[in-house]
Amino acid sequence: MTEGMHSGSDSGLKNIWDEICVQVQGQESALWEAYVDTVKDVIAQYLAKVDRETREAIWLQTDNGSEWEAHEDEDIPAEDGDTTDYIMRDYVLSAAANWTSHRIEKFVAKSLEID
């Protein structure tokens, strides 16, 4: 994704993923919540295409899913919001913290010099 980038054309960053990575690795911008909302929307779109059993299996890995105690003949109360938050935190933000490129390293180093 390149539409809606906020870092500026002279930033050296090429896409929204680069912007997310520099904010996770450096400092969140005032627009951080907009990035979070965008990523959660993308995750929700993918979850909507996944079968119920798979969504339930993923939900069981969330905090609420881990705490849920099954009772006989009870359906799994999988919450897409829990699942989206779990994927965002444990996979997307974790990947962003560890993802690097020369563009990201340069931008983070420059922003640390300014602070």
N, C-alpha and C. Protein backbone atom coordinates (compact mmCIF):
# COMPACT_ATOMS: atom_id res chain seq x y z
N MET A 1 0.85 -1.18 0.00
CA MET A 1 0.00 0.00 0.00
C MET A 1 0.89 1.24 0.00
N THR A 2 0.57 2.15 -0.89
CA THR A 2 1.32 3.40 -0.95
C THR A 2 0.41 4.62 -0.82
N GLU A 3 -0.86 4.41 -1.06
CA GLU A 3 -1.80 5.53 -0.97
C GLU A 3 -2.03 5.92 0.49
N GLY A 4 -1.97 7.20 0.77
CA GLY A 4 -2.24 7.69 2.12
C GLY A 4 -1.02 7.72 3.02
N MET A 5 0.17 7.63 2.43
CA MET A 5 1.38 7.70 3.25
C MET A 5 1.51 9.09 3.86
N HIS A 6 2.02 9.13 5.09
CA HIS A 6 2.12 10.40 5.82
C HIS A 6 3.55 10.87 6.04
N SER A 7 4.53 10.05 5.65
CA SER A 7 5.91 10.40 5.95
C SER A 7 6.51 11.44 5.01
N GLY A 8 5.87 11.68 3.90
CA GLY A 8 6.38 12.66 2.96
C GLY A 8 7.18 12.01 1.84
N SER A 9 7.17 12.63 0.70
CA SER A 9 7.82 12.07 -0.47
C SER A 9 9.35 12.04 -0.35
N ASP A 10 9.91 12.86 0.52
CA ASP A 10 11.36 12.90 0.69
C ASP A 10 11.85 12.02 1.85
N SER A 11 10.98 11.22 2.43
CA SER A 11 11.33 10.42 3.60
C SER A 11 12.22 9.22 3.27
N GLY A 12 12.14 8.76 2.03
CA GLY A 12 12.87 7.56 1.65
C GLY A 12 12.07 6.28 1.86
N LEU A 13 10.93 6.40 2.52
CA LEU A 13 10.07 5.24 2.74
C LEU A 13 9.22 5.01 1.50
N LYS A 14 8.95 3.73 1.20
CA LYS A 14 8.27 3.42 -0.06
C LYS A 14 6.81 3.02 0.10
N ASN A 15 6.40 2.62 1.30
CA ASN A 15 5.02 2.14 1.45
C ASN A 15 4.57 2.23 2.91
N ILE A 16 3.32 1.89 3.13
CA ILE A 16 2.73 1.95 4.47
C ILE A 16 3.46 1.00 5.42
N TRP A 17 3.87 -0.16 4.92
CA TRP A 17 4.60 -1.12 5.77
C TRP A 17 5.88 -0.48 6.31
N ASP A 18 6.62 0.23 5.45
CA ASP A 18 7.81 0.94 5.92
C ASP A 18 7.45 1.92 7.03
N GLU A 19 6.35 2.66 6.84
CA GLU A 19 5.93 3.64 7.85
C GLU A 19 5.58 2.96 9.18
N ILE A 20 4.90 1.83 9.10
CA ILE A 20 4.54 1.10 10.32
C ILE A 20 5.81 0.62 11.03
N CYS A 21 6.73 0.07 10.27
CA CYS A 21 7.98 -0.44 10.85
C CYS A 21 8.75 0.66 11.57
N VAL A 22 8.88 1.84 10.96
CA VAL A 22 9.65 2.90 11.61
C VAL A 22 8.95 3.39 12.87
N GLN A 23 7.63 3.34 12.89
CA GLN A 23 6.93 3.78 14.09
C GLN A 23 7.03 2.75 15.22
N VAL A 24 7.03 1.48 14.87
CA VAL A 24 7.20 0.45 15.89
C VAL A 24 8.63 0.46 16.41
N GLN A 25 9.59 0.67 15.53
CA GLN A 25 11.00 0.63 15.91
C GLN A 25 11.50 1.95 16.48
N GLY A 26 10.82 3.03 16.16
CA GLY A 26 11.25 4.34 16.63
C GLY A 26 10.22 4.95 17.55
N GLN A 27 9.42 5.84 16.98
CA GLN A 27 8.42 6.55 17.77
C GLN A 27 7.13 6.62 16.98
N GLU A 28 6.02 6.36 17.66
CA GLU A 28 4.71 6.43 17.02
C GLU A 28 4.40 7.88 16.68
N SER A 29 3.82 8.06 15.50
CA SER A 29 3.41 9.40 15.09
C SER A 29 2.04 9.73 15.68
N ALA A 30 1.63 10.94 15.49
CA ALA A 30 0.30 11.37 15.95
C ALA A 30 -0.79 10.61 15.20
N LEU A 31 -0.45 10.04 14.06
CA LEU A 31 -1.42 9.30 13.24
C LEU A 31 -1.35 7.79 13.46
N TRP A 32 -0.68 7.35 14.51
CA TRP A 32 -0.49 5.92 14.74
C TRP A 32 -1.81 5.16 14.76
N GLU A 33 -2.83 5.68 15.39
CA GLU A 33 -4.12 4.98 15.47
C GLU A 33 -4.72 4.74 14.08
N ALA A 34 -4.47 5.65 13.15
CA ALA A 34 -4.96 5.46 11.77
C ALA A 34 -4.27 4.26 11.13
N TYR A 35 -2.98 4.09 11.39
CA TYR A 35 -2.26 2.92 10.89
C TYR A 35 -2.82 1.65 11.51
N VAL A 36 -3.03 1.67 12.81
CA VAL A 36 -3.57 0.51 13.52
C VAL A 36 -4.94 0.14 12.95
N ASP A 37 -5.79 1.14 12.76
CA ASP A 37 -7.13 0.88 12.20
C ASP A 37 -7.04 0.29 10.81
N THR A 38 -6.12 0.78 10.00
CA THR A 38 -5.96 0.27 8.63
C THR A 38 -5.53 -1.20 8.66
N VAL A 39 -4.55 -1.51 9.49
CA VAL A 39 -4.07 -2.90 9.56
C VAL A 39 -5.18 -3.81 10.08
N LYS A 40 -5.90 -3.36 11.10
CA LYS A 40 -6.99 -4.18 11.64
C LYS A 40 -8.08 -4.40 10.60
N ASP A 41 -8.35 -3.40 9.78
CA ASP A 41 -9.33 -3.56 8.70
C ASP A 41 -8.87 -4.62 7.70
N VAL A 42 -7.60 -4.61 7.36
CA VAL A 42 -7.06 -5.60 6.42
C VAL A 42 -7.15 -6.99 7.04
N ILE A 43 -6.78 -7.12 8.30
CA ILE A 43 -6.87 -8.42 8.98
C ILE A 43 -8.32 -8.90 8.99
N ALA A 44 -9.24 -8.02 9.33
CA ALA A 44 -10.67 -8.38 9.38
C ALA A 44 -11.17 -8.85 8.01
N GLN A 45 -10.70 -8.22 6.95
CA GLN A 45 -11.09 -8.63 5.60
C GLN A 45 -10.62 -10.06 5.32
N TYR A 46 -9.41 -10.39 5.73
CA TYR A 46 -8.92 -11.75 5.54
C TYR A 46 -9.67 -12.74 6.42
N LEU A 47 -9.94 -12.37 7.67
CA LEU A 47 -10.68 -13.26 8.56
C LEU A 47 -12.08 -13.56 8.04
N ALA A 48 -12.69 -12.59 7.38
CA ALA A 48 -14.03 -12.78 6.83
C ALA A 48 -14.05 -13.88 5.76
N LYS A 49 -12.90 -14.14 5.16
CA LYS A 49 -12.81 -15.16 4.10
C LYS A 49 -12.44 -16.54 4.63
N VAL A 50 -12.12 -16.62 5.92
CA VAL A 50 -11.67 -17.87 6.52
C VAL A 50 -12.88 -18.61 7.09
N ASP A 51 -12.84 -19.94 7.01
CA ASP A 51 -13.97 -20.72 7.53
C ASP A 51 -14.06 -20.60 9.05
N ARG A 52 -15.24 -20.88 9.56
CA ARG A 52 -15.55 -20.72 10.99
C ARG A 52 -14.60 -21.51 11.87
N GLU A 53 -14.31 -22.75 11.49
CA GLU A 53 -13.44 -23.59 12.31
C GLU A 53 -12.04 -23.00 12.45
N THR A 54 -11.53 -22.43 11.38
CA THR A 54 -10.21 -21.81 11.43
C THR A 54 -10.23 -20.57 12.30
N ARG A 55 -11.28 -19.73 12.16
CA ARG A 55 -11.41 -18.54 13.02
C ARG A 55 -11.49 -18.95 14.49
N GLU A 56 -12.23 -20.01 14.78
CA GLU A 56 -12.33 -20.49 16.16
C GLU A 56 -10.98 -20.99 16.67
N ALA A 57 -10.24 -21.70 15.84
CA ALA A 57 -8.92 -22.20 16.24
C ALA A 57 -7.97 -21.05 16.53
N ILE A 58 -8.03 -20.00 15.73
CA ILE A 58 -7.19 -18.83 15.99
C ILE A 58 -7.65 -18.14 17.27
N TRP A 59 -8.97 -17.97 17.44
CA TRP A 59 -9.49 -17.31 18.64
C TRP A 59 -9.07 -18.03 19.91
N LEU A 60 -9.00 -19.35 19.87
CA LEU A 60 -8.61 -20.11 21.05
C LEU A 60 -7.17 -19.80 21.48
N GLN A 61 -6.39 -19.16 20.63
CA GLN A 61 -5.02 -18.76 20.97
C GLN A 61 -4.98 -17.37 21.60
N THR A 62 -6.09 -16.64 21.59
CA THR A 62 -6.13 -15.31 22.19
C THR A 62 -6.22 -15.44 23.71
N ASP A 63 -6.06 -14.32 24.41
CA ASP A 63 -6.18 -14.35 25.87
C ASP A 63 -7.56 -14.85 26.30
N ASN A 64 -8.61 -14.30 25.69
CA ASN A 64 -9.97 -14.73 26.04
C ASN A 64 -10.21 -16.18 25.65
N GLY A 65 -9.66 -16.59 24.52
CA GLY A 65 -9.81 -17.98 24.08
C GLY A 65 -9.09 -18.93 25.01
N SER A 66 -7.92 -18.54 25.49
CA SER A 66 -7.17 -19.39 26.42
C SER A 66 -7.88 -19.54 27.75
N GLU A 67 -8.59 -18.50 28.17
CA GLU A 67 -9.30 -18.51 29.44
C GLU A 67 -10.68 -19.17 29.35
N TRP A 68 -11.19 -19.32 28.15
CA TRP A 68 -12.51 -19.90 27.96
C TRP A 68 -12.51 -21.37 28.33
N GLU A 69 -13.50 -21.76 29.08
CA GLU A 69 -13.63 -23.16 29.46
C GLU A 69 -14.80 -23.77 28.71
N ALA A 70 -14.49 -24.81 27.96
CA ALA A 70 -15.52 -25.47 27.15
C ALA A 70 -16.48 -26.26 28.03
N HIS A 71 -17.72 -26.20 27.67
CA HIS A 71 -18.74 -27.01 28.32
C HIS A 71 -19.38 -27.86 27.24
N GLU A 72 -19.87 -29.00 27.65
CA GLU A 72 -20.45 -29.93 26.70
C GLU A 72 -21.51 -29.25 25.83
N ASP A 73 -21.46 -29.49 24.56
CA ASP A 73 -22.42 -28.97 23.58
C ASP A 73 -22.44 -27.45 23.50
N GLU A 74 -21.38 -26.79 23.91
CA GLU A 74 -21.34 -25.33 23.85
C GLU A 74 -20.46 -24.91 22.67
N ASP A 75 -20.98 -23.98 21.89
CA ASP A 75 -20.19 -23.46 20.77
C ASP A 75 -19.07 -22.57 21.28
N ILE A 76 -18.00 -22.53 20.52
CA ILE A 76 -16.88 -21.66 20.86
C ILE A 76 -17.31 -20.22 20.59
N PRO A 77 -17.23 -19.34 21.60
CA PRO A 77 -17.69 -17.95 21.41
C PRO A 77 -16.61 -17.06 20.78
N ALA A 78 -16.09 -17.49 19.65
CA ALA A 78 -15.00 -16.76 18.99
C ALA A 78 -15.42 -15.33 18.65
N GLU A 79 -14.60 -14.39 19.07
CA GLU A 79 -14.84 -12.97 18.80
C GLU A 79 -13.81 -12.49 17.79
N ASP A 80 -14.29 -11.99 16.65
CA ASP A 80 -13.37 -11.52 15.62
C ASP A 80 -12.50 -10.38 16.11
N GLY A 81 -13.01 -9.53 17.00
CA GLY A 81 -12.21 -8.44 17.54
C GLY A 81 -11.02 -8.95 18.33
N ASP A 82 -11.24 -9.99 19.14
CA ASP A 82 -10.14 -10.61 19.88
C ASP A 82 -9.10 -11.18 18.92
N THR A 83 -9.59 -11.84 17.89
CA THR A 83 -8.70 -12.48 16.92
C THR A 83 -7.90 -11.43 16.15
N THR A 84 -8.55 -10.37 15.74
CA THR A 84 -7.87 -9.29 15.03
C THR A 84 -6.79 -8.67 15.91
N ASP A 85 -7.11 -8.38 17.16
CA ASP A 85 -6.13 -7.81 18.09
C ASP A 85 -4.95 -8.75 18.29
N TYR A 86 -5.24 -10.04 18.43
CA TYR A 86 -4.20 -11.05 18.62
C TYR A 86 -3.25 -11.09 17.42
N ILE A 87 -3.80 -11.15 16.23
CA ILE A 87 -2.96 -11.19 15.02
C ILE A 87 -2.16 -9.90 14.90
N MET A 88 -2.79 -8.77 15.18
CA MET A 88 -2.10 -7.48 15.11
C MET A 88 -0.91 -7.46 16.07
N ARG A 89 -1.15 -7.81 17.32
CA ARG A 89 -0.11 -7.73 18.36
C ARG A 89 0.98 -8.79 18.17
N ASP A 90 0.57 -10.04 18.04
CA ASP A 90 1.55 -11.13 18.07
C ASP A 90 2.22 -11.40 16.73
N TYR A 91 1.64 -10.93 15.65
CA TYR A 91 2.23 -11.21 14.34
C TYR A 91 2.63 -9.96 13.59
N VAL A 92 1.70 -9.03 13.39
CA VAL A 92 2.01 -7.86 12.57
C VAL A 92 3.01 -6.94 13.28
N LEU A 93 2.70 -6.53 14.51
CA LEU A 93 3.61 -5.63 15.22
C LEU A 93 4.93 -6.30 15.56
N SER A 94 4.89 -7.58 15.85
CA SER A 94 6.12 -8.33 16.10
C SER A 94 6.99 -8.35 14.85
N ALA A 95 6.38 -8.60 13.70
CA ALA A 95 7.13 -8.59 12.44
C ALA A 95 7.67 -7.19 12.15
N ALA A 96 6.87 -6.16 12.40
CA ALA A 96 7.31 -4.78 12.15
C ALA A 96 8.49 -4.40 13.03
N ALA A 97 8.53 -4.92 14.24
CA ALA A 97 9.64 -4.62 15.15
C ALA A 97 10.94 -5.24 14.66
N ASN A 98 10.85 -6.33 13.92
CA ASN A 98 12.03 -7.05 13.48
C ASN A 98 12.36 -6.86 12.00
N TRP A 99 11.47 -6.25 11.24
CA TRP A 99 11.67 -6.06 9.80
C TRP A 99 12.64 -4.91 9.58
N THR A 100 13.55 -5.08 8.67
CA THR A 100 14.49 -4.01 8.42
C THR A 100 14.82 -3.91 6.93
N SER A 101 15.23 -2.76 6.58
CA SER A 101 15.72 -2.47 5.24
C SER A 101 16.59 -1.23 5.37
N HIS A 102 17.33 -0.92 4.35
CA HIS A 102 18.16 0.29 4.41
C HIS A 102 17.30 1.53 4.57
N ARG A 103 16.11 1.54 3.97
CA ARG A 103 15.20 2.69 4.08
C ARG A 103 14.75 2.89 5.52
N ILE A 104 14.34 1.79 6.15
CA ILE A 104 13.84 1.86 7.53
C ILE A 104 14.97 2.25 8.47
N GLU A 105 16.12 1.61 8.34
CA GLU A 105 17.26 1.93 9.22
C GLU A 105 17.65 3.40 9.11
N LYS A 106 17.70 3.91 7.88
CA LYS A 106 18.07 5.31 7.65
C LYS A 106 17.05 6.25 8.28
N PHE A 107 15.76 5.96 8.10
CA PHE A 107 14.71 6.82 8.64
C PHE A 107 14.73 6.81 10.16
N VAL A 108 14.85 5.62 10.78
CA VAL A 108 14.86 5.52 12.24
C VAL A 108 16.08 6.24 12.80
N ALA A 109 17.24 6.06 12.19
CA ALA A 109 18.46 6.73 12.66
C ALA A 109 18.29 8.24 12.57
N LYS A 110 17.72 8.72 11.48
CA LYS A 110 17.51 10.16 11.30
C LYS A 110 16.54 10.68 12.34
N SER A 111 15.46 9.97 12.61
CA SER A 111 14.47 10.44 13.58
C SER A 111 15.03 10.44 15.00
N LEU A 112 15.93 9.52 15.30
CA LEU A 112 16.56 9.48 16.63
C LEU A 112 17.53 10.66 16.80
N GLU A 113 18.16 11.08 15.71
CA GLU A 113 19.06 12.25 15.76
C GLU A 113 18.28 13.51 16.07
N ILE A 114 17.07 13.62 15.53
CA ILE A 114 16.23 14.80 15.71
C ILE A 114 15.75 14.89 17.15
N ASP A 115 15.37 13.73 17.73
CA ASP A 115 14.86 13.73 19.11
C ASP A 115 15.99 14.04 20.02
